[in-house]
Amino acid sequence: MNIKNIDGFDWNAGNSEKCQKHGVSLLELESAFYKAMSIFPDIAHSQTEERFIAIGKTNEGRYIFVAFTLRYHEKKTFIRPISSRYMHTKEIEHYEQATPHSHNG
């Protein structure tokens, strides 16, 4: 997925509250998508809509996990975050081993 093809983020009271539940601010979450993110299909949660998992670093240098889907409005594509949280130490270690480029952030 190329962030250049994304026109913005789709927020409402429901998903903005859920995404901030674990301390991640909306600005911090959005910032992660403008850096190098690893994005994978979330097959287990894609029954009613196609969902994705993104992992990477925020501008503040914290590792983040985001579940999201895409929404389309008036020929534009938006990221609709579903939930987010900071990654645990073991997840970070696994991510850094799998993506050596992540050290340069």
PDB file of N, CA and C in Angstrom:
ATOM      1  N   MET A   1       0.843  -1.171   0.000  1.00  0.00           N
ATOM      2  CA  MET A   1       0.000   0.000   0.000  1.00  0.00           C
ATOM      3  C   MET A   1       0.891   1.238   0.000  1.00  0.00           C
ATOM      4  N   ASN A   2       0.556   2.184  -0.829  1.00  0.00           N
ATOM      5  CA  ASN A   2       1.332   3.401  -0.951  1.00  0.00           C
ATOM      6  C   ASN A   2       0.558   4.556  -0.334  1.00  0.00           C
ATOM      7  N   ILE A   3       1.123   5.209   0.660  1.00  0.00           N
ATOM      8  CA  ILE A   3       0.445   6.311   1.352  1.00  0.00           C
ATOM      9  C   ILE A   3       0.133   7.451   0.390  1.00  0.00           C
ATOM     10  N   LYS A   4       0.868   7.557  -0.695  1.00  0.00           N
ATOM     11  CA  LYS A   4       0.609   8.619  -1.673  1.00  0.00           C
ATOM     12  C   LYS A   4      -0.760   8.460  -2.321  1.00  0.00           C
ATOM     13  N   ASN A   5      -1.302   7.247  -2.287  1.00  0.00           N
ATOM     14  CA  ASN A   5      -2.621   7.000  -2.865  1.00  0.00           C
ATOM     15  C   ASN A   5      -3.746   7.213  -1.863  1.00  0.00           C
ATOM     16  N   ILE A   6      -3.404   7.608  -0.644  1.00  0.00           N
ATOM     17  CA  ILE A   6      -4.389   7.806   0.414  1.00  0.00           C
ATOM     18  C   ILE A   6      -4.688   9.303   0.535  1.00  0.00           C
ATOM     19  N   ASP A   7      -5.972   9.620   0.630  1.00  0.00           N
ATOM     20  CA  ASP A   7      -6.383  11.021   0.695  1.00  0.00           C
ATOM     21  C   ASP A   7      -6.562  11.546   2.112  1.00  0.00           C
ATOM     22  N   GLY A   8      -6.447  10.684   3.117  1.00  0.00           N
ATOM     23  CA  GLY A   8      -6.597  11.130   4.493  1.00  0.00           C
ATOM     24  C   GLY A   8      -7.068  10.011   5.391  1.00  0.00           C
ATOM     25  N   PHE A   9      -7.626  10.393   6.531  1.00  0.00           N
ATOM     26  CA  PHE A   9      -8.084   9.440   7.533  1.00  0.00           C
ATOM     27  C   PHE A   9      -9.566   9.646   7.790  1.00  0.00           C
ATOM     28  N   ASP A  10     -10.268   8.570   8.041  1.00  0.00           N
ATOM     29  CA  ASP A  10     -11.712   8.584   8.275  1.00  0.00           C
ATOM     30  C   ASP A  10     -11.953   8.383   9.769  1.00  0.00           C
ATOM     31  N   TRP A  11     -12.277   9.473  10.460  1.00  0.00           N
ATOM     32  CA  TRP A  11     -12.499   9.433  11.904  1.00  0.00           C
ATOM     33  C   TRP A  11     -13.943   9.763  12.241  1.00  0.00           C
ATOM     34  N   ASN A  12     -14.435   9.124  13.309  1.00  0.00           N
ATOM     35  CA  ASN A  12     -15.692   9.531  13.946  1.00  0.00           C
ATOM     36  C   ASN A  12     -15.538   9.243  15.435  1.00  0.00           C
ATOM     37  N   ALA A  13     -16.561   9.510  16.213  1.00  0.00           N
ATOM     38  CA  ALA A  13     -16.456   9.339  17.664  1.00  0.00           C
ATOM     39  C   ALA A  13     -16.108   7.908  18.051  1.00  0.00           C
ATOM     40  N   GLY A  14     -16.643   6.931  17.325  1.00  0.00           N
ATOM     41  CA  GLY A  14     -16.409   5.528  17.659  1.00  0.00           C
ATOM     42  C   GLY A  14     -14.970   5.097  17.477  1.00  0.00           C
ATOM     43  N   ASN A  15     -14.416   5.299  16.294  1.00  0.00           N
ATOM     44  CA  ASN A  15     -13.061   4.794  16.070  1.00  0.00           C
ATOM     45  C   ASN A  15     -12.002   5.692  16.697  1.00  0.00           C
ATOM     46  N   SER A  16     -12.245   6.987  16.821  1.00  0.00           N
ATOM     47  CA  SER A  16     -11.232   7.838  17.455  1.00  0.00           C
ATOM     48  C   SER A  16     -11.090   7.498  18.936  1.00  0.00           C
ATOM     49  N   GLU A  17     -12.202   7.226  19.599  1.00  0.00           N
ATOM     50  CA  GLU A  17     -12.149   6.851  21.019  1.00  0.00           C
ATOM     51  C   GLU A  17     -11.461   5.503  21.204  1.00  0.00           C
ATOM     52  N   LYS A  18     -11.804   4.540  20.361  1.00  0.00           N
ATOM     53  CA  LYS A  18     -11.214   3.200  20.482  1.00  0.00           C
ATOM     54  C   LYS A  18      -9.706   3.236  20.204  1.00  0.00           C
ATOM     55  N   CYS A  19      -9.292   4.035  19.226  1.00  0.00           N
ATOM     56  CA  CYS A  19      -7.870   4.091  18.892  1.00  0.00           C
ATOM     57  C   CYS A  19      -7.050   4.766  19.982  1.00  0.00           C
ATOM     58  N   GLN A  20      -7.655   5.650  20.763  1.00  0.00           N
ATOM     59  CA  GLN A  20      -6.945   6.335  21.839  1.00  0.00           C
ATOM     60  C   GLN A  20      -6.999   5.572  23.165  1.00  0.00           C
ATOM     61  N   LYS A  21      -7.742   4.479  23.189  1.00  0.00           N
ATOM     62  CA  LYS A  21      -7.963   3.688  24.405  1.00  0.00           C
ATOM     63  C   LYS A  21      -6.655   3.254  25.076  1.00  0.00           C
ATOM     64  N   HIS A  22      -5.627   2.963  24.274  1.00  0.00           N
ATOM     65  CA  HIS A  22      -4.359   2.467  24.810  1.00  0.00           C
ATOM     66  C   HIS A  22      -3.280   3.554  24.838  1.00  0.00           C
ATOM     67  N   GLY A  23      -3.707   4.819  24.803  1.00  0.00           N
ATOM     68  CA  GLY A  23      -2.767   5.923  24.963  1.00  0.00           C
ATOM     69  C   GLY A  23      -2.169   6.486  23.694  1.00  0.00           C
ATOM     70  N   VAL A  24      -2.540   5.967  22.541  1.00  0.00           N
ATOM     71  CA  VAL A  24      -2.010   6.459  21.278  1.00  0.00           C
ATOM     72  C   VAL A  24      -2.865   7.654  20.833  1.00  0.00           C
ATOM     73  N   SER A  25      -2.231   8.801  20.603  1.00  0.00           N
ATOM     74  CA  SER A  25      -2.997   9.963  20.141  1.00  0.00           C
ATOM     75  C   SER A  25      -3.294   9.798  18.648  1.00  0.00           C
ATOM     76  N   LEU A  26      -4.323  10.484  18.177  1.00  0.00           N
ATOM     77  CA  LEU A  26      -4.688  10.396  16.768  1.00  0.00           C
ATOM     78  C   LEU A  26      -3.577  10.962  15.888  1.00  0.00           C
ATOM     79  N   LEU A  27      -2.956  12.037  16.317  1.00  0.00           N
ATOM     80  CA  LEU A  27      -1.861  12.632  15.550  1.00  0.00           C
ATOM     81  C   LEU A  27      -0.683  11.665  15.457  1.00  0.00           C
ATOM     82  N   GLU A  28      -0.373  11.001  16.568  1.00  0.00           N
ATOM     83  CA  GLU A  28       0.731  10.032  16.575  1.00  0.00           C
ATOM     84  C   GLU A  28       0.411   8.851  15.662  1.00  0.00           C
ATOM     85  N   LEU A  29      -0.828   8.379  15.721  1.00  0.00           N
ATOM     86  CA  LEU A  29      -1.237   7.268  14.854  1.00  0.00           C
ATOM     87  C   LEU A  29      -1.090   7.666  13.391  1.00  0.00           C
ATOM     88  N   GLU A  30      -1.600   8.826  13.026  1.00  0.00           N
ATOM     89  CA  GLU A  30      -1.508   9.272  11.633  1.00  0.00           C
ATOM     90  C   GLU A  30      -0.052   9.426  11.202  1.00  0.00           C
ATOM     91  N   SER A  31       0.797   9.927  12.096  1.00  0.00           N
ATOM     92  CA  SER A  31       2.207  10.154  11.752  1.00  0.00           C
ATOM     93  C   SER A  31       2.908   8.867  11.341  1.00  0.00           C
ATOM     94  N   ALA A  32       2.504   7.755  11.927  1.00  0.00           N
ATOM     95  CA  ALA A  32       3.150   6.471  11.619  1.00  0.00           C
ATOM     96  C   ALA A  32       2.963   6.092  10.156  1.00  0.00           C
ATOM     97  N   PHE A  33       1.831   6.463   9.567  1.00  0.00           N
ATOM     98  CA  PHE A  33       1.563   6.110   8.179  1.00  0.00           C
ATOM     99  C   PHE A  33       2.404   6.918   7.195  1.00  0.00           C
ATOM    100  N   TYR A  34       3.031   7.986   7.645  1.00  0.00           N
ATOM    101  CA  TYR A  34       3.892   8.784   6.775  1.00  0.00           C
ATOM    102  C   TYR A  34       5.350   8.363   6.892  1.00  0.00           C
ATOM    103  N   LYS A  35       5.597   7.320   7.684  1.00  0.00           N
ATOM    104  CA  LYS A  35       6.917   6.718   7.801  1.00  0.00           C
ATOM    105  C   LYS A  35       6.834   5.325   7.164  1.00  0.00           C
ATOM    106  N   ALA A  36       7.908   4.567   7.253  1.00  0.00           N
ATOM    107  CA  ALA A  36       7.904   3.213   6.703  1.00  0.00           C
ATOM    108  C   ALA A  36       7.073   2.297   7.603  1.00  0.00           C
ATOM    109  N   MET A  37       5.956   1.839   7.102  1.00  0.00           N
ATOM    110  CA  MET A  37       5.085   0.915   7.841  1.00  0.00           C
ATOM    111  C   MET A  37       5.088  -0.428   7.121  1.00  0.00           C
ATOM    112  N   SER A  38       5.013  -1.490   7.892  1.00  0.00           N
ATOM    113  CA  SER A  38       4.812  -2.824   7.314  1.00  0.00           C
ATOM    114  C   SER A  38       3.321  -3.100   7.400  1.00  0.00           C
ATOM    115  N   ILE A  39       2.715  -3.415   6.259  1.00  0.00           N
ATOM    116  CA  ILE A  39       1.266  -3.608   6.195  1.00  0.00           C
ATOM    117  C   ILE A  39       0.968  -5.014   5.702  1.00  0.00           C
ATOM    118  N   PHE A  40       0.047  -5.683   6.424  1.00  0.00           N
ATOM    119  CA  PHE A  40      -0.313  -7.059   6.116  1.00  0.00           C
ATOM    120  C   PHE A  40      -1.833  -7.186   6.072  1.00  0.00           C
ATOM    121  N   PRO A  41      -2.355  -8.102   5.272  1.00  0.00           N
ATOM    122  CA  PRO A  41      -3.802  -8.361   5.327  1.00  0.00           C
ATOM    123  C   PRO A  41      -4.156  -8.992   6.669  1.00  0.00           C
ATOM    124  N   ASP A  42      -5.301  -8.633   7.202  1.00  0.00           N
ATOM    125  CA  ASP A  42      -5.794  -9.210   8.461  1.00  0.00           C
ATOM    126  C   ASP A  42      -6.930 -10.168   8.099  1.00  0.00           C
ATOM    127  N   ILE A  43      -6.549 -11.329   7.620  1.00  0.00           N
ATOM    128  CA  ILE A  43      -7.512 -12.313   7.112  1.00  0.00           C
ATOM    129  C   ILE A  43      -8.489 -12.752   8.195  1.00  0.00           C
ATOM    130  N   ALA A  44      -8.006 -12.889   9.419  1.00  0.00           N
ATOM    131  CA  ALA A  44      -8.860 -13.366  10.516  1.00  0.00           C
ATOM    132  C   ALA A  44     -10.016 -12.423  10.825  1.00  0.00           C
ATOM    133  N   HIS A  45      -9.860 -11.128  10.521  1.00  0.00           N
ATOM    134  CA  HIS A  45     -10.899 -10.152  10.838  1.00  0.00           C
ATOM    135  C   HIS A  45     -11.507  -9.512   9.584  1.00  0.00           C
ATOM    136  N   SER A  46     -11.390 -10.177   8.452  1.00  0.00           N
ATOM    137  CA  SER A  46     -11.876  -9.606   7.190  1.00  0.00           C
ATOM    138  C   SER A  46     -13.165 -10.254   6.697  1.00  0.00           C
ATOM    139  N   GLN A  47     -14.035 -10.682   7.606  1.00  0.00           N
ATOM    140  CA  GLN A  47     -15.264 -11.348   7.176  1.00  0.00           C
ATOM    141  C   GLN A  47     -16.219 -10.389   6.465  1.00  0.00           C
ATOM    142  N   THR A  48     -16.433  -9.189   7.006  1.00  0.00           N
ATOM    143  CA  THR A  48     -17.408  -8.269   6.416  1.00  0.00           C
ATOM    144  C   THR A  48     -16.761  -7.178   5.575  1.00  0.00           C
ATOM    145  N   GLU A  49     -15.477  -6.920   5.785  1.00  0.00           N
ATOM    146  CA  GLU A  49     -14.732  -5.938   4.997  1.00  0.00           C
ATOM    147  C   GLU A  49     -13.259  -6.307   5.041  1.00  0.00           C
ATOM    148  N   GLU A  50     -12.513  -5.889   4.046  1.00  0.00           N
ATOM    149  CA  GLU A  50     -11.084  -6.181   4.015  1.00  0.00           C
ATOM    150  C   GLU A  50     -10.372  -5.329   5.066  1.00  0.00           C
ATOM    151  N   ARG A  51      -9.634  -6.000   5.950  1.00  0.00           N
ATOM    152  CA  ARG A  51      -8.911  -5.308   7.009  1.00  0.00           C
ATOM    153  C   ARG A  51      -7.417  -5.557   6.879  1.00  0.00           C
ATOM    154  N   PHE A  52      -6.660  -4.662   7.480  1.00  0.00           N
ATOM    155  CA  PHE A  52      -5.208  -4.704   7.418  1.00  0.00           C
ATOM    156  C   PHE A  52      -4.618  -4.467   8.800  1.00  0.00           C
ATOM    157  N   ILE A  53      -3.368  -4.884   8.950  1.00  0.00           N
ATOM    158  CA  ILE A  53      -2.586  -4.615  10.144  1.00  0.00           C
ATOM    159  C   ILE A  53      -1.354  -3.846   9.688  1.00  0.00           C
ATOM    160  N   ALA A  54      -1.057  -2.758  10.388  1.00  0.00           N
ATOM    161  CA  ALA A  54       0.137  -1.972  10.095  1.00  0.00           C
ATOM    162  C   ALA A  54       0.988  -1.917  11.354  1.00  0.00           C
ATOM    163  N   ILE A  55       2.298  -2.097  11.174  1.00  0.00           N
ATOM    164  CA  ILE A  55       3.218  -1.953  12.296  1.00  0.00           C
ATOM    165  C   ILE A  55       4.381  -1.073  11.849  1.00  0.00           C
ATOM    166  N   GLY A  56       4.835  -0.259  12.761  1.00  0.00           N
ATOM    167  CA  GLY A  56       5.937   0.647  12.445  1.00  0.00           C
ATOM    168  C   GLY A  56       6.188   1.598  13.579  1.00  0.00           C
ATOM    169  N   LYS A  57       6.853   2.712  13.266  1.00  0.00           N
ATOM    170  CA  LYS A  57       7.228   3.701  14.277  1.00  0.00           C
ATOM    171  C   LYS A  57       6.498   5.017  14.034  1.00  0.00           C
ATOM    172  N   THR A  58       6.175   5.670  15.126  1.00  0.00           N
ATOM    173  CA  THR A  58       5.572   7.000  15.045  1.00  0.00           C
ATOM    174  C   THR A  58       6.684   8.043  14.945  1.00  0.00           C
ATOM    175  N   ASN A  59       6.314   9.303  14.731  1.00  0.00           N
ATOM    176  CA  ASN A  59       7.305  10.389  14.720  1.00  0.00           C
ATOM    177  C   ASN A  59       8.040  10.487  16.046  1.00  0.00           C
ATOM    178  N   GLU A  60       7.389  10.056  17.119  1.00  0.00           N
ATOM    179  CA  GLU A  60       7.996  10.096  18.444  1.00  0.00           C
ATOM    180  C   GLU A  60       8.938   8.913  18.678  1.00  0.00           C
ATOM    181  N   GLY A  61       9.027   7.998  17.705  1.00  0.00           N
ATOM    182  CA  GLY A  61       9.928   6.861  17.816  1.00  0.00           C
ATOM    183  C   GLY A  61       9.351   5.664  18.544  1.00  0.00           C
ATOM    184  N   ARG A  62       8.054   5.692  18.836  1.00  0.00           N
ATOM    185  CA  ARG A  62       7.417   4.560  19.515  1.00  0.00           C
ATOM    186  C   ARG A  62       6.869   3.591  18.480  1.00  0.00           C
ATOM    187  N   TYR A  63       6.972   2.309  18.793  1.00  0.00           N
ATOM    188  CA  TYR A  63       6.458   1.282  17.897  1.00  0.00           C
ATOM    189  C   TYR A  63       4.951   1.147  18.100  1.00  0.00           C
ATOM    190  N   ILE A  64       4.235   1.050  16.996  1.00  0.00           N
ATOM    191  CA  ILE A  64       2.780   1.059  17.045  1.00  0.00           C
ATOM    192  C   ILE A  64       2.210  -0.070  16.186  1.00  0.00           C
ATOM    193  N   PHE A  65       1.072  -0.568  16.623  1.00  0.00           N
ATOM    194  CA  PHE A  65       0.301  -1.602  15.919  1.00  0.00           C
ATOM    195  C   PHE A  65      -1.063  -0.968  15.629  1.00  0.00           C
ATOM    196  N   VAL A  66      -1.483  -0.994  14.359  1.00  0.00           N
ATOM    197  CA  VAL A  66      -2.771  -0.399  13.978  1.00  0.00           C
ATOM    198  C   VAL A  66      -3.555  -1.392  13.130  1.00  0.00           C
ATOM    199  N   ALA A  67      -4.794  -1.632  13.510  1.00  0.00           N
ATOM    200  CA  ALA A  67      -5.725  -2.392  12.675  1.00  0.00           C
ATOM    201  C   ALA A  67      -6.569  -1.348  11.935  1.00  0.00           C
ATOM    202  N   PHE A  68      -6.738  -1.528  10.624  1.00  0.00           N
ATOM    203  CA  PHE A  68      -7.487  -0.543   9.858  1.00  0.00           C
ATOM    204  C   PHE A  68      -8.145  -1.168   8.636  1.00  0.00           C
ATOM    205  N   THR A  69      -9.031  -0.400   8.037  1.00  0.00           N
ATOM    206  CA  THR A  69      -9.645  -0.760   6.779  1.00  0.00           C
ATOM    207  C   THR A  69      -9.581   0.469   5.880  1.00  0.00           C
ATOM    208  N   LEU A  70      -9.989   0.333   4.657  1.00  0.00           N
ATOM    209  CA  LEU A  70     -10.033   1.475   3.750  1.00  0.00           C
ATOM    210  C   LEU A  70     -11.478   1.845   3.481  1.00  0.00           C
ATOM    211  N   ARG A  71     -11.732   3.117   3.370  1.00  0.00           N
ATOM    212  CA  ARG A  71     -13.067   3.620   3.037  1.00  0.00           C
ATOM    213  C   ARG A  71     -12.935   4.516   1.810  1.00  0.00           C
ATOM    214  N   TYR A  72     -13.961   4.497   1.009  1.00  0.00           N
ATOM    215  CA  TYR A  72     -13.960   5.259  -0.233  1.00  0.00           C
ATOM    216  C   TYR A  72     -15.127   6.237  -0.223  1.00  0.00           C
ATOM    217  N   HIS A  73     -14.815   7.519  -0.405  1.00  0.00           N
ATOM    218  CA  HIS A  73     -15.828   8.569  -0.434  1.00  0.00           C
ATOM    219  C   HIS A  73     -15.521   9.487  -1.613  1.00  0.00           C
ATOM    220  N   GLU A  74     -16.475   9.649  -2.503  1.00  0.00           N
ATOM    221  CA  GLU A  74     -16.336  10.577  -3.628  1.00  0.00           C
ATOM    222  C   GLU A  74     -15.004  10.395  -4.369  1.00  0.00           C
ATOM    223  N   LYS A  75     -14.718   9.163  -4.756  1.00  0.00           N
ATOM    224  CA  LYS A  75     -13.524   8.795  -5.522  1.00  0.00           C
ATOM    225  C   LYS A  75     -12.210   9.063  -4.777  1.00  0.00           C
ATOM    226  N   LYS A  76     -12.292   9.157  -3.467  1.00  0.00           N
ATOM    227  CA  LYS A  76     -11.095   9.320  -2.650  1.00  0.00           C
ATOM    228  C   LYS A  76     -10.969   8.130  -1.707  1.00  0.00           C
ATOM    229  N   THR A  77      -9.731   7.808  -1.332  1.00  0.00           N
ATOM    230  CA  THR A  77      -9.458   6.670  -0.460  1.00  0.00           C
ATOM    231  C   THR A  77      -8.952   7.166   0.894  1.00  0.00           C
ATOM    232  N   PHE A  78      -9.576   6.657   1.967  1.00  0.00           N
ATOM    233  CA  PHE A  78      -9.229   7.057   3.321  1.00  0.00           C
ATOM    234  C   PHE A  78      -8.868   5.832   4.160  1.00  0.00           C
ATOM    235  N   ILE A  79      -7.894   5.999   5.038  1.00  0.00           N
ATOM    236  CA  ILE A  79      -7.576   4.975   6.031  1.00  0.00           C
ATOM    237  C   ILE A  79      -8.557   5.166   7.178  1.00  0.00           C
ATOM    238  N   ARG A  80      -9.254   4.096   7.543  1.00  0.00           N
ATOM    239  CA  ARG A  80     -10.155   4.139   8.702  1.00  0.00           C
ATOM    240  C   ARG A  80      -9.564   3.251   9.781  1.00  0.00           C
ATOM    241  N   PRO A  81      -8.827   3.840  10.724  1.00  0.00           N
ATOM    242  CA  PRO A  81      -8.269   3.040  11.818  1.00  0.00           C
ATOM    243  C   PRO A  81      -9.383   2.414  12.653  1.00  0.00           C
ATOM    244  N   ILE A  82      -9.174   1.179  13.061  1.00  0.00           N
ATOM    245  CA  ILE A  82     -10.148   0.452  13.880  1.00  0.00           C
ATOM    246  C   ILE A  82      -9.677   0.406  15.324  1.00  0.00           C
ATOM    247  N   SER A  83      -8.396   0.117  15.510  1.00  0.00           N
ATOM    248  CA  SER A  83      -7.816   0.118  16.858  1.00  0.00           C
ATOM    249  C   SER A  83      -6.309   0.318  16.729  1.00  0.00           C
ATOM    250  N   SER A  84      -5.709   0.757  17.828  1.00  0.00           N
ATOM    251  CA  SER A  84      -4.255   0.949  17.836  1.00  0.00           C
ATOM    252  C   SER A  84      -3.734   0.752  19.254  1.00  0.00           C
ATOM    253  N   ARG A  85      -2.457   0.422  19.305  1.00  0.00           N
ATOM    254  CA  ARG A  85      -1.792   0.280  20.601  1.00  0.00           C
ATOM    255  C   ARG A  85      -0.296   0.311  20.348  1.00  0.00           C
ATOM    256  N   TYR A  86       0.433   0.581  21.433  1.00  0.00           N
ATOM    257  CA  TYR A  86       1.886   0.490  21.350  1.00  0.00           C
ATOM    258  C   TYR A  86       2.265  -0.987  21.396  1.00  0.00           C
ATOM    259  N   MET A  87       3.341  -1.320  20.698  1.00  0.00           N
ATOM    260  CA  MET A  87       3.779  -2.707  20.650  1.00  0.00           C
ATOM    261  C   MET A  87       4.520  -3.083  21.926  1.00  0.00           C
ATOM    262  N   HIS A  88       4.444  -4.360  22.283  1.00  0.00           N
ATOM    263  CA  HIS A  88       5.140  -4.900  23.446  1.00  0.00           C
ATOM    264  C   HIS A  88       6.598  -5.192  23.068  1.00  0.00           C
ATOM    265  N   THR A  89       7.454  -5.296  24.061  1.00  0.00           N
ATOM    266  CA  THR A  89       8.883  -5.494  23.840  1.00  0.00           C
ATOM    267  C   THR A  89       9.169  -6.682  22.930  1.00  0.00           C
ATOM    268  N   LYS A  90       8.537  -7.816  23.168  1.00  0.00           N
ATOM    269  CA  LYS A  90       8.789  -9.003  22.335  1.00  0.00           C
ATOM    270  C   LYS A  90       8.336  -8.767  20.892  1.00  0.00           C
ATOM    271  N   GLU A  91       7.249  -8.031  20.695  1.00  0.00           N
ATOM    272  CA  GLU A  91       6.787  -7.701  19.345  1.00  0.00           C
ATOM    273  C   GLU A  91       7.796  -6.792  18.641  1.00  0.00           C
ATOM    274  N   ILE A  92       8.351  -5.847  19.371  1.00  0.00           N
ATOM    275  CA  ILE A  92       9.342  -4.937  18.802  1.00  0.00           C
ATOM    276  C   ILE A  92      10.584  -5.716  18.380  1.00  0.00           C
ATOM    277  N   GLU A  93      11.040  -6.615  19.244  1.00  0.00           N
ATOM    278  CA  GLU A  93      12.220  -7.432  18.923  1.00  0.00           C
ATOM    279  C   GLU A  93      11.972  -8.250  17.660  1.00  0.00           C
ATOM    280  N   HIS A  94      10.805  -8.867  17.570  1.00  0.00           N
ATOM    281  CA  HIS A  94      10.466  -9.660  16.388  1.00  0.00           C
ATOM    282  C   HIS A  94      10.400  -8.772  15.144  1.00  0.00           C
ATOM    283  N   TYR A  95       9.779  -7.612  15.260  1.00  0.00           N
ATOM    284  CA  TYR A  95       9.652  -6.679  14.142  1.00  0.00           C
ATOM    285  C   TYR A  95      11.023  -6.222  13.658  1.00  0.00           C
ATOM    286  N   GLU A  96      11.912  -5.873  14.586  1.00  0.00           N
ATOM    287  CA  GLU A  96      13.239  -5.400  14.199  1.00  0.00           C
ATOM    288  C   GLU A  96      14.074  -6.501  13.556  1.00  0.00           C
ATOM    289  N   GLN A  97      13.901  -7.724  13.993  1.00  0.00           N
ATOM    290  CA  GLN A  97      14.623  -8.844  13.369  1.00  0.00           C
ATOM    291  C   GLN A  97      14.102  -9.093  11.960  1.00  0.00           C
ATOM    292  N   ALA A  98      12.798  -8.947  11.773  1.00  0.00           N
ATOM    293  CA  ALA A  98      12.187  -9.222  10.471  1.00  0.00           C
ATOM    294  C   ALA A  98      12.375  -8.064   9.495  1.00  0.00           C
ATOM    295  N   THR A  99      12.575  -6.839  10.006  1.00  0.00           N
ATOM    296  CA  THR A  99      12.708  -5.666   9.146  1.00  0.00           C
ATOM    297  C   THR A  99      13.911  -4.837   9.590  1.00  0.00           C
ATOM    298  N   PRO A 100      15.105  -5.226   9.163  1.00  0.00           N
ATOM    299  CA  PRO A 100      16.319  -4.522   9.601  1.00  0.00           C
ATOM    300  C   PRO A 100      16.305  -3.031   9.258  1.00  0.00           C
ATOM    301  N   HIS A 101      15.605  -2.636   8.199  1.00  0.00           N
ATOM    302  CA  HIS A 101      15.550  -1.225   7.819  1.00  0.00           C
ATOM    303  C   HIS A 101      14.849  -0.367   8.869  1.00  0.00           C
ATOM    304  N   SER A 102      14.084  -0.981   9.774  1.00  0.00           N
ATOM    305  CA  SER A 102      13.326  -0.225  10.754  1.00  0.00           C
ATOM    306  C   SER A 102      14.228   0.531  11.731  1.00  0.00           C
ATOM    307  N   HIS A 103      15.498   0.144  11.845  1.00  0.00           N
ATOM    308  CA  HIS A 103      16.401   0.836  12.761  1.00  0.00           C
ATOM    309  C   HIS A 103      16.645   2.275  12.308  1.00  0.00           C
ATOM    310  N   ASN A 104      16.516   2.526  11.019  1.00  0.00           N
ATOM    311  CA  ASN A 104      16.768   3.857  10.484  1.00  0.00           C
ATOM    312  C   ASN A 104      15.550   4.749  10.529  1.00  0.00           C
ATOM    313  N   GLY A 105      14.357   4.127  10.776  1.00  0.00           N
ATOM    314  CA  GLY A 105      13.106   4.782  10.942  1.00  0.00           C
ATOM    315  C   GLY A 105      12.763   5.835  10.003  1.00  0.00           C
TER     316      GLY A 105
END
